[in-house]
Every structure is written in C-alpha cells, then in structure tokens.
N, C-alpha and C. Protein backbone atom coordinates (compact mmCIF):
# COMPACT_ATOMS: atom_id res chain seq x y z
N MET A 1 44.75 -80.81 30.04
CA MET A 1 42.74 -80.65 30.22
C MET A 1 42.47 -81.36 29.09
N LYS A 2 41.29 -81.50 29.43
CA LYS A 2 40.14 -82.52 28.98
C LYS A 2 39.64 -81.57 27.98
N THR A 3 39.35 -82.25 26.82
CA THR A 3 38.12 -81.57 25.96
C THR A 3 37.11 -82.21 26.22
N PRO A 4 35.82 -81.19 26.35
CA PRO A 4 34.20 -81.17 26.36
C PRO A 4 33.91 -82.35 25.22
N PRO A 5 33.06 -83.10 25.32
CA PRO A 5 32.38 -83.86 24.54
C PRO A 5 32.26 -83.24 23.22
N CYS A 6 32.37 -83.84 22.63
CA CYS A 6 32.25 -83.10 21.16
C CYS A 6 30.61 -83.01 20.85
N GLN A 7 30.02 -81.69 20.83
CA GLN A 7 28.47 -81.79 20.56
C GLN A 7 28.25 -80.61 19.00
N HIS A 8 29.27 -80.82 18.25
CA HIS A 8 28.45 -80.87 16.87
C HIS A 8 27.20 -81.39 16.00
N LEU A 9 27.03 -81.10 15.32
CA LEU A 9 25.98 -81.19 15.31
C LEU A 9 26.50 -82.07 13.50
N PRO A 10 26.25 -83.11 12.90
CA PRO A 10 25.94 -83.60 11.29
C PRO A 10 25.83 -82.62 10.84
N PRO A 11 26.53 -82.41 9.49
CA PRO A 11 26.31 -81.32 8.33
C PRO A 11 24.82 -81.27 8.36
N ASN A 12 24.22 -82.25 7.86
CA ASN A 12 22.99 -81.99 8.01
C ASN A 12 21.80 -82.36 8.43
N GLY A 13 21.90 -82.09 9.57
CA GLY A 13 20.99 -82.38 10.61
C GLY A 13 20.30 -81.73 10.91
N PRO A 14 20.19 -80.23 11.74
CA PRO A 14 19.05 -79.16 11.45
C PRO A 14 18.59 -79.04 10.12
N THR A 15 19.08 -79.15 8.86
CA THR A 15 18.07 -79.19 7.50
C THR A 15 17.18 -80.07 7.51
N ARG A 16 17.44 -81.45 8.18
CA ARG A 16 16.81 -82.64 7.94
C ARG A 16 15.52 -82.21 8.84
N SER A 17 15.74 -82.14 10.33
CA SER A 17 14.80 -81.87 11.32
C SER A 17 14.19 -80.62 10.90
N HIS A 18 14.46 -79.48 10.24
CA HIS A 18 13.46 -78.43 9.77
C HIS A 18 12.72 -78.72 8.35
N SER A 19 13.26 -79.22 7.64
CA SER A 19 12.57 -79.82 6.52
C SER A 19 11.49 -81.12 7.25
N ARG A 20 11.56 -81.76 8.29
CA ARG A 20 10.76 -82.36 8.66
C ARG A 20 9.40 -81.49 9.22
N ASP A 21 9.73 -80.70 9.81
CA ASP A 21 9.04 -79.81 10.96
C ASP A 21 8.21 -79.35 9.85
N THR A 22 8.61 -78.58 8.96
CA THR A 22 8.17 -78.30 7.71
C THR A 22 6.97 -79.07 6.93
N ALA A 23 7.26 -80.33 6.52
CA ALA A 23 6.92 -81.11 5.99
C ALA A 23 5.22 -81.14 6.74
N GLN A 24 5.46 -81.42 7.95
CA GLN A 24 4.35 -81.78 9.04
C GLN A 24 3.71 -80.86 9.32
N GLY A 25 3.85 -79.73 9.29
CA GLY A 25 3.05 -78.50 9.57
C GLY A 25 2.10 -78.02 7.95
N MET A 26 3.00 -78.44 6.90
CA MET A 26 2.38 -78.90 5.92
C MET A 26 1.31 -79.19 5.47
N ALA A 27 1.32 -80.84 6.36
CA ALA A 27 0.27 -81.70 5.94
C ALA A 27 -0.82 -81.27 7.24
N LEU A 28 -0.53 -80.97 8.25
CA LEU A 28 -1.96 -80.45 8.64
C LEU A 28 -2.12 -79.00 7.47
N ILE A 29 -1.70 -78.28 7.63
CA ILE A 29 -2.54 -77.14 6.94
C ILE A 29 -3.50 -77.80 5.67
N GLU A 30 -2.62 -78.44 4.92
CA GLU A 30 -3.40 -79.41 3.86
C GLU A 30 -4.46 -80.04 4.20
N ALA A 31 -4.41 -80.86 5.83
CA ALA A 31 -5.81 -81.75 6.12
C ALA A 31 -6.87 -80.88 6.35
N LEU A 32 -6.50 -79.48 7.24
CA LEU A 32 -7.40 -78.47 7.59
C LEU A 32 -8.15 -77.96 6.37
N VAL A 33 -7.39 -77.42 5.42
CA VAL A 33 -8.33 -77.14 3.98
C VAL A 33 -9.01 -78.17 3.55
N ALA A 34 -8.38 -79.60 3.48
CA ALA A 34 -9.33 -80.39 2.89
C ALA A 34 -10.65 -80.06 4.19
N SER A 35 -10.31 -80.67 5.63
CA SER A 35 -11.17 -80.70 5.90
C SER A 35 -12.47 -79.47 6.14
N ALA A 36 -12.39 -78.21 5.63
CA ALA A 36 -12.83 -77.14 5.73
C ALA A 36 -13.94 -76.77 4.54
N VAL A 37 -13.16 -77.68 2.96
CA VAL A 37 -13.87 -77.65 1.61
C VAL A 37 -15.06 -78.82 1.56
N LEU A 38 -14.57 -80.32 2.66
CA LEU A 38 -15.30 -81.06 2.39
C LEU A 38 -16.44 -80.80 3.29
N GLY A 39 -16.59 -79.96 4.42
CA GLY A 39 -17.57 -79.53 5.49
C GLY A 39 -18.34 -78.13 4.04
N VAL A 40 -17.97 -77.03 3.11
CA VAL A 40 -18.50 -76.70 2.75
C VAL A 40 -19.81 -77.71 1.88
N GLY A 41 -18.60 -78.88 1.44
CA GLY A 41 -19.54 -79.97 0.24
C GLY A 41 -20.64 -80.49 0.72
N LEU A 42 -20.33 -80.52 2.19
CA LEU A 42 -21.96 -81.05 2.89
C LEU A 42 -22.92 -80.39 3.46
N ALA A 43 -22.39 -78.91 3.49
CA ALA A 43 -23.34 -78.47 3.80
C ALA A 43 -24.17 -77.84 2.88
N ALA A 44 -23.31 -77.74 1.60
CA ALA A 44 -24.08 -77.56 0.46
C ALA A 44 -25.24 -78.69 0.26
N ALA A 45 -24.86 -79.93 0.09
CA ALA A 45 -25.73 -80.93 -0.35
C ALA A 45 -26.61 -81.37 1.01
N THR A 46 -26.08 -80.57 2.29
CA THR A 46 -27.62 -80.42 3.33
C THR A 46 -28.58 -79.88 2.87
N ARG A 47 -28.41 -78.51 2.07
CA ARG A 47 -29.19 -77.78 2.01
C ARG A 47 -29.79 -77.82 0.69
N LEU A 48 -29.05 -78.32 -0.17
CA LEU A 48 -29.92 -78.92 -1.29
C LEU A 48 -31.01 -80.07 -1.34
N THR A 49 -30.61 -81.23 -0.65
CA THR A 49 -31.49 -82.00 0.24
C THR A 49 -32.91 -81.58 0.72
N LEU A 50 -32.71 -80.32 1.69
CA LEU A 50 -33.71 -80.10 2.43
C LEU A 50 -34.63 -78.94 1.45
N HIS A 51 -33.89 -78.39 0.60
CA HIS A 51 -34.75 -77.51 -0.74
C HIS A 51 -35.41 -78.70 -1.50
N THR A 52 -35.10 -79.90 -1.91
CA THR A 52 -35.61 -80.38 -3.15
C THR A 52 -36.55 -81.69 -1.65
N LEU A 53 -36.33 -81.88 -0.52
CA LEU A 53 -37.49 -82.09 0.25
C LEU A 53 -38.87 -81.72 0.51
N LEU A 54 -38.38 -79.65 0.61
CA LEU A 54 -39.04 -79.19 0.85
C LEU A 54 -40.37 -78.86 -0.28
N THR A 55 -39.71 -78.65 -1.89
CA THR A 55 -39.84 -78.89 -2.63
C THR A 55 -41.31 -79.69 -3.37
N ALA A 56 -40.76 -80.71 -3.43
CA ALA A 56 -41.43 -82.31 -3.51
C ALA A 56 -42.57 -82.12 -2.30
N SER A 57 -42.25 -82.20 -1.29
CA SER A 57 -43.66 -82.17 -0.55
C SER A 57 -44.77 -80.61 -0.94
N GLU A 58 -44.24 -79.65 -1.26
CA GLU A 58 -45.30 -78.83 -1.94
C GLU A 58 -45.66 -78.84 -3.20
N THR A 59 -45.47 -79.88 -3.86
CA THR A 59 -45.71 -79.60 -5.19
C THR A 59 -47.27 -81.19 -4.97
N ARG A 60 -46.40 -82.02 -3.87
CA ARG A 60 -47.29 -82.62 -3.87
C ARG A 60 -49.09 -82.36 -3.34
N GLN A 61 -48.47 -81.53 -2.04
CA GLN A 61 -49.42 -80.31 -1.98
C GLN A 61 -50.31 -80.10 -2.87
N HIS A 62 -49.91 -79.32 -3.80
CA HIS A 62 -50.28 -78.16 -4.73
C HIS A 62 -51.37 -79.58 -5.90
N THR A 63 -51.00 -80.64 -5.60
CA THR A 63 -51.48 -81.55 -6.42
C THR A 63 -52.34 -81.97 -5.71
N VAL A 64 -52.73 -82.33 -4.54
CA VAL A 64 -54.01 -82.93 -4.04
C VAL A 64 -54.90 -81.48 -4.01
N ALA A 65 -54.19 -80.34 -3.59
CA ALA A 65 -55.12 -79.01 -3.89
C ALA A 65 -56.15 -79.19 -5.22
N LEU A 66 -55.07 -78.97 -6.57
CA LEU A 66 -55.99 -79.38 -7.90
C LEU A 66 -56.63 -80.34 -7.91
N THR A 67 -56.58 -81.48 -7.56
CA THR A 67 -57.38 -82.83 -7.63
C THR A 67 -58.95 -82.24 -6.67
N LEU A 68 -58.64 -81.73 -5.43
CA LEU A 68 -59.60 -81.63 -4.55
C LEU A 68 -60.78 -80.34 -5.16
N ALA A 69 -60.26 -79.20 -6.00
CA ALA A 69 -60.39 -78.41 -6.94
C ALA A 69 -61.44 -78.65 -7.65
N LEU A 70 -60.65 -79.87 -8.17
CA LEU A 70 -61.27 -79.98 -9.62
C LEU A 70 -62.68 -81.19 -9.73
N ASN A 71 -62.47 -81.51 -8.50
CA ASN A 71 -63.69 -82.21 -8.00
C ASN A 71 -64.70 -81.55 -7.90
N VAL A 72 -64.71 -80.35 -7.18
CA VAL A 72 -65.95 -79.61 -6.34
C VAL A 72 -65.93 -78.67 -7.64
N MET A 73 -65.20 -78.35 -8.67
CA MET A 73 -65.52 -78.18 -9.76
C MET A 73 -66.52 -78.88 -10.54
N ASP A 74 -66.35 -80.16 -10.86
CA ASP A 74 -66.75 -81.11 -11.82
C ASP A 74 -68.50 -81.46 -10.75
N CYS A 75 -68.08 -81.39 -9.85
CA CYS A 75 -69.94 -81.68 -8.73
C CYS A 75 -70.38 -79.83 -9.52
N HIS A 76 -70.22 -78.75 -9.40
CA HIS A 76 -71.07 -77.82 -9.85
C HIS A 76 -71.05 -77.43 -11.34
N GLN A 77 -70.17 -78.36 -11.67
CA GLN A 77 -70.49 -78.14 -13.58
C GLN A 77 -71.27 -78.72 -13.49
N SER A 78 -71.70 -80.08 -13.50
CA SER A 78 -72.50 -81.15 -13.93
C SER A 78 -73.83 -80.29 -13.04
N GLY A 79 -73.97 -79.57 -12.27
CA GLY A 79 -75.38 -79.09 -12.04
C GLY A 79 -76.19 -79.66 -10.78
N ARG A 80 -75.39 -80.90 -10.19
CA ARG A 80 -75.71 -81.73 -9.39
C ARG A 80 -76.31 -80.83 -7.86
N ALA A 81 -77.30 -81.58 -7.46
CA ALA A 81 -77.79 -81.30 -5.99
C ALA A 81 -77.11 -81.60 -4.73
N GLY A 82 -76.59 -80.48 -4.21
CA GLY A 82 -75.68 -80.95 -2.64
C GLY A 82 -74.16 -80.59 -2.98
N CYS A 83 -73.81 -80.01 -3.39
CA CYS A 83 -72.22 -79.63 -4.20
C CYS A 83 -72.52 -78.69 -2.92
N ALA A 84 -71.64 -79.10 -2.16
CA ALA A 84 -71.03 -77.95 -1.14
C ALA A 84 -70.29 -76.70 -1.44
N LEU A 85 -71.01 -75.65 -0.43
CA LEU A 85 -70.18 -74.45 -0.48
C LEU A 85 -68.98 -74.35 -0.26
N GLN A 86 -68.78 -74.60 1.17
CA GLN A 86 -67.32 -75.32 1.96
C GLN A 86 -67.54 -76.35 2.41
N ALA A 87 -66.04 -76.98 2.17
CA ALA A 87 -65.76 -77.76 2.39
C ALA A 87 -64.41 -77.82 3.47
N SER A 88 -64.05 -79.06 4.29
CA SER A 88 -62.75 -78.92 4.65
C SER A 88 -62.31 -80.55 4.41
N SER A 89 -61.05 -80.69 4.17
CA SER A 89 -60.69 -82.49 4.05
C SER A 89 -59.34 -82.29 4.20
N THR A 90 -58.80 -83.48 4.87
CA THR A 90 -57.50 -83.43 5.19
C THR A 90 -56.98 -84.52 4.32
N VAL A 91 -55.47 -84.69 3.97
CA VAL A 91 -55.13 -85.44 3.06
C VAL A 91 -54.06 -85.81 3.77
N GLN A 92 -53.57 -86.77 4.27
CA GLN A 92 -51.76 -86.98 4.96
C GLN A 92 -51.57 -86.09 5.94
N GLY A 93 -52.23 -85.54 6.40
CA GLY A 93 -52.04 -84.55 8.06
C GLY A 93 -52.34 -83.48 7.45
N THR A 94 -52.80 -82.73 6.36
CA THR A 94 -52.47 -81.10 5.76
C THR A 94 -54.26 -81.35 5.43
N THR A 95 -54.74 -80.25 5.84
CA THR A 95 -56.22 -79.94 6.38
C THR A 95 -55.83 -78.98 4.76
N TYR A 96 -57.03 -78.93 3.85
CA TYR A 96 -57.22 -78.55 3.07
C TYR A 96 -58.95 -77.20 3.43
N ASN A 97 -58.91 -76.31 3.08
CA ASN A 97 -60.47 -75.79 3.51
C ASN A 97 -60.85 -75.22 1.67
N LEU A 98 -61.87 -75.65 1.34
CA LEU A 98 -62.17 -75.45 -0.29
C LEU A 98 -63.53 -74.39 -0.08
N GLN A 99 -63.54 -73.27 -0.79
CA GLN A 99 -64.63 -72.47 -0.66
C GLN A 99 -65.24 -72.55 -2.22
N SER A 100 -66.58 -72.36 -2.64
CA SER A 100 -66.70 -72.12 -3.80
C SER A 100 -67.64 -70.93 -3.67
N GLN A 101 -67.98 -70.43 -5.18
CA GLN A 101 -68.70 -69.32 -5.47
C GLN A 101 -69.13 -69.50 -6.48
N LEU A 102 -70.90 -69.53 -6.07
CA LEU A 102 -71.50 -69.70 -7.94
C LEU A 102 -72.32 -68.02 -8.20
N GLN A 103 -72.08 -67.28 -9.04
CA GLN A 103 -72.33 -65.77 -9.49
C GLN A 103 -73.17 -65.66 -10.52
N MET A 104 -74.45 -64.84 -10.98
CA MET A 104 -74.67 -65.35 -11.74
C MET A 104 -74.71 -63.98 -12.92
N ARG A 105 -74.18 -64.47 -14.27
CA ARG A 105 -73.73 -62.67 -14.85
C ARG A 105 -75.20 -62.08 -15.16
N PRO A 106 -75.14 -61.23 -15.05
CA PRO A 106 -76.64 -60.02 -14.97
C PRO A 106 -76.60 -59.92 -17.37
N GLY A 107 -77.80 -60.12 -17.46
CA GLY A 107 -78.46 -60.04 -18.85
C GLY A 107 -77.85 -61.29 -19.59
N LEU A 108 -77.33 -62.54 -18.77
CA LEU A 108 -76.74 -63.40 -19.71
C LEU A 108 -76.84 -64.55 -19.01
N ALA A 109 -77.01 -66.09 -19.29
CA ALA A 109 -77.69 -67.17 -18.67
C ALA A 109 -76.55 -68.56 -18.64
N LEU A 110 -75.71 -67.47 -17.98
CA LEU A 110 -74.18 -68.04 -17.63
C LEU A 110 -74.00 -67.77 -15.91
N GLU A 111 -73.79 -68.58 -15.69
CA GLU A 111 -73.20 -68.71 -14.02
C GLU A 111 -71.76 -68.81 -14.08
N ASP A 112 -71.41 -68.08 -13.28
CA ASP A 112 -69.53 -68.27 -12.67
C ASP A 112 -69.19 -68.63 -11.78
N LEU A 113 -68.49 -69.37 -11.73
CA LEU A 113 -68.34 -70.92 -10.86
C LEU A 113 -66.48 -70.39 -10.47
N GLN A 114 -66.40 -70.25 -9.48
CA GLN A 114 -65.01 -69.99 -8.51
C GLN A 114 -64.83 -71.16 -7.37
N VAL A 115 -63.73 -71.93 -7.37
CA VAL A 115 -63.39 -72.48 -6.39
C VAL A 115 -61.84 -72.18 -5.82
N ARG A 116 -61.75 -72.18 -4.60
CA ARG A 116 -60.59 -71.86 -3.97
C ARG A 116 -60.00 -72.81 -3.13
N VAL A 117 -58.87 -73.10 -2.90
CA VAL A 117 -58.39 -74.30 -1.69
C VAL A 117 -57.35 -73.69 -1.29
N GLN A 118 -57.58 -73.62 0.21
CA GLN A 118 -55.89 -73.36 0.66
C GLN A 118 -55.44 -74.24 1.71
N TRP A 119 -54.63 -74.09 2.36
CA TRP A 119 -53.50 -74.98 2.69
C TRP A 119 -52.73 -74.69 3.27
N PRO A 120 -52.36 -75.01 4.77
CA PRO A 120 -51.22 -74.63 5.46
C PRO A 120 -50.21 -75.30 4.54
N SER A 121 -48.86 -74.33 4.17
CA SER A 121 -47.52 -74.92 3.29
C SER A 121 -47.04 -75.47 4.07
N VAL A 122 -45.39 -76.21 3.85
CA VAL A 122 -45.06 -77.09 4.60
C VAL A 122 -44.01 -76.16 4.28
N GLY A 123 -43.02 -76.20 5.69
CA GLY A 123 -41.52 -75.38 5.51
C GLY A 123 -41.21 -73.95 5.71
N PRO A 124 -40.59 -73.33 5.81
CA PRO A 124 -40.93 -71.57 5.66
C PRO A 124 -40.90 -71.62 3.90
N ALA A 125 -41.37 -70.48 3.87
CA ALA A 125 -41.98 -69.66 2.55
C ALA A 125 -40.24 -69.23 1.87
N LEU A 126 -40.35 -69.32 0.80
CA LEU A 126 -39.25 -69.28 -0.27
C LEU A 126 -39.37 -67.92 0.01
N GLU A 127 -38.14 -66.89 -0.14
CA GLU A 127 -37.62 -65.83 -0.50
C GLU A 127 -38.03 -65.35 -1.51
N ALA A 128 -38.77 -64.05 -1.96
CA ALA A 128 -38.95 -64.24 -3.63
C ALA A 128 -37.17 -63.21 -4.11
N ALA A 129 -36.98 -62.58 -3.07
CA ALA A 129 -35.21 -61.72 -3.26
C ALA A 129 -34.72 -62.73 -3.27
N GLY A 130 -34.05 -63.05 -2.38
CA GLY A 130 -32.92 -64.44 -2.54
C GLY A 130 -32.94 -65.40 -3.02
N GLY A 131 -34.21 -65.95 -2.61
CA GLY A 131 -34.56 -67.61 -3.70
C GLY A 131 -34.37 -68.79 -2.59
N GLY A 132 -33.80 -68.72 -1.62
CA GLY A 132 -33.13 -68.84 -0.49
C GLY A 132 -34.41 -69.19 0.17
N LEU A 133 -34.31 -70.38 1.55
CA LEU A 133 -34.90 -70.41 2.40
C LEU A 133 -35.04 -69.27 3.28
N GLY A 134 -36.50 -68.81 3.70
CA GLY A 134 -36.69 -67.92 4.42
C GLY A 134 -36.34 -68.26 6.43
N VAL A 135 -36.27 -67.37 6.83
CA VAL A 135 -36.44 -67.44 8.09
C VAL A 135 -37.68 -66.16 8.84
N ASN A 136 -38.49 -66.75 9.16
CA ASN A 136 -39.28 -65.70 10.06
C ASN A 136 -38.70 -64.93 11.03
N SER A 137 -38.80 -63.48 11.09
CA SER A 137 -38.41 -63.55 12.11
C SER A 137 -39.33 -63.05 13.60
N PRO A 138 -39.18 -63.23 14.22
CA PRO A 138 -40.07 -62.82 15.55
C PRO A 138 -42.04 -62.34 15.60
N GLY A 139 -41.37 -61.34 14.68
CA GLY A 139 -42.50 -59.98 13.98
C GLY A 139 -43.55 -60.43 13.12
N GLN A 140 -43.01 -61.58 12.32
CA GLN A 140 -43.58 -62.39 11.40
C GLN A 140 -43.89 -63.96 11.47
N ALA A 141 -44.59 -64.13 12.54
CA ALA A 141 -44.81 -65.72 12.74
C ALA A 141 -46.10 -65.84 12.34
N GLN A 142 -46.51 -65.60 11.05
CA GLN A 142 -47.38 -65.92 10.73
C GLN A 142 -47.37 -67.40 9.63
N PRO A 143 -47.95 -68.21 9.45
CA PRO A 143 -47.63 -69.19 9.01
C PRO A 143 -47.53 -69.26 7.20
N HIS A 144 -47.43 -69.62 6.47
CA HIS A 144 -47.52 -69.79 4.73
C HIS A 144 -48.14 -70.41 4.84
N MET A 145 -49.13 -69.83 3.78
CA MET A 145 -50.86 -70.41 3.14
C MET A 145 -50.54 -70.69 1.42
N GLY A 146 -50.75 -72.14 1.70
CA GLY A 146 -50.40 -72.45 -0.17
C GLY A 146 -52.15 -72.07 -0.66
N GLU A 147 -51.96 -71.67 -1.76
CA GLU A 147 -53.65 -71.30 -2.06
C GLU A 147 -53.62 -71.77 -3.96
N LEU A 148 -54.84 -71.84 -4.52
CA LEU A 148 -55.02 -72.58 -5.54
C LEU A 148 -57.16 -71.92 -6.00
N VAL A 149 -56.92 -71.21 -7.09
CA VAL A 149 -58.54 -70.86 -7.70
C VAL A 149 -58.61 -71.29 -8.66
N LEU A 150 -59.61 -71.85 -8.92
CA LEU A 150 -59.77 -71.62 -10.34
C LEU A 150 -61.25 -71.59 -10.95
N HIS A 151 -61.59 -71.24 -11.79
CA HIS A 151 -62.76 -70.35 -12.34
C HIS A 151 -62.79 -70.99 -13.38
N SER A 152 -64.62 -71.10 -14.00
CA SER A 152 -64.82 -71.82 -14.70
C SER A 152 -66.29 -70.95 -15.20
N SER A 153 -66.82 -70.92 -15.90
CA SER A 153 -68.67 -70.64 -16.14
C SER A 153 -69.42 -71.77 -16.75
N ARG A 154 -70.54 -71.94 -16.40
CA ARG A 154 -71.46 -72.76 -17.14
C ARG A 154 -72.79 -72.30 -17.45
N ASP A 155 -73.25 -72.83 -17.90
CA ASP A 155 -74.73 -72.06 -18.73
C ASP A 155 -76.07 -72.67 -17.82
N ALA A 156 -76.58 -71.22 -17.14
CA ALA A 156 -77.65 -71.53 -16.55
C ALA A 156 -78.92 -72.43 -16.56
N VAL A 157 -78.71 -72.78 -18.35
CA VAL A 157 -79.65 -73.00 -18.81
C VAL A 157 -80.04 -74.72 -18.25
N PRO A 158 -80.97 -75.30 -18.03
CA PRO A 158 -80.91 -76.50 -18.19
C PRO A 158 -80.68 -77.24 -19.29
N ALA A 159 -79.93 -78.38 -19.15
CA ALA A 159 -79.49 -79.42 -20.39
C ALA A 159 -80.75 -80.42 -20.91
N TRP A 160 -81.61 -80.60 -19.79
CA TRP A 160 -83.26 -80.92 -20.47
C TRP A 160 -83.76 -80.06 -21.76
N LEU A 161 -83.91 -78.69 -21.21
CA LEU A 161 -84.20 -77.88 -22.00
C LEU A 161 -83.43 -77.74 -23.69
N GLY A 162 -82.59 -78.48 -23.98
CA GLY A 162 -81.76 -78.13 -24.86
C GLY A 162 -82.90 -78.15 -26.44
N VAL A 163 -81.94 -78.57 -27.59
CA VAL A 163 -82.50 -78.80 -28.73
C VAL A 163 -82.90 -79.85 -29.29
N SER A 164 -84.08 -79.84 -29.58
CA SER A 164 -84.83 -81.48 -30.27
C SER A 164 -84.17 -81.77 -31.32
N LEU A 165 -84.07 -83.24 -31.64
CA LEU A 165 -83.44 -83.13 -32.33
C LEU A 165 -84.77 -84.06 -33.52
N PRO A 166 -84.65 -83.71 -35.00
CA PRO A 166 -85.95 -83.75 -36.00
C PRO A 166 -86.60 -85.56 -35.74
C-alpha cells in the first residue's frame, strides 16, 4: 500500500501566512484613515481660503465705498455748487449707489449731512448665528447688499460772513 504524499504544513506556515494577511489588512486600514484625515484637512484648508478671499473682497468693497462717501461728504462740507445728491459709480466691476441728504435743523444755522452708499456684496452673506458661509434657500433669493452711512453737520452761514480781523 502506498501512502499518499505528505500534505502537512510546516510548523510555522499558517501563522506566517495569517500574520502577513493581517499586516496587509492593517496597512489598508491605515491608508484609508490617512486618506480620510488628509481629505478633512484639505476641505478645511479650502474652506478657510474661500472665507479669506470673500473677506478680502468685502474689505476692498467697503474701502472703496468709504472713499466714495468721503469724497461726496467733502464736496457737501465745502459748500461747492454742483455736488450731486444721487450718483452711481462703478469701480472694479462693482456698482456703488450714492445718495446724499441735506436737511436744515430748525432754529439753528446748521445743516445735517447724510451720505449713504450701497453696493451688491460679493459671495453669500455670512450667517449671524453660525458664523459660517450661508447658503440661500430658493425662498431667500435676494442678493446681499453692503451699506455704509456717514453723518455730519455743517454751518449754514457762509464762510465769507465770518468774523473780521481788527
């Protein structure tokens, strides 16, 4: 009678093979976890960059609006003729609407000046509650408007009517 060929495994054979499979499985899990951490980091960096760009654009628009408002305010403060009460100006693709109001104070020789500048803001509005970037729902399709208002007063008495020197 012939004995079948020996089919036994080496003493450490199954353990090594099982250990190798476990090591490869752990490497795969580590790679997946590393990919997930990298993805979260990249998403956060992208969101931070977007927020920084929107903030820089809003700051630039506010600075341009302030410069335009100060120019209109200076025109009215100086008492020059021809200062427009309403104007529109486009700077770097953004249209700024300027409105001026002059109002006499009753019983005083003062005029109150108000200059209002409005412009469409870049990007979505920042949410007050969450502090994150807001997403407009279909019912809230109104654009976010930036606004700047300056108030001042001036003497209604002409400068040439001032005090004479001795």
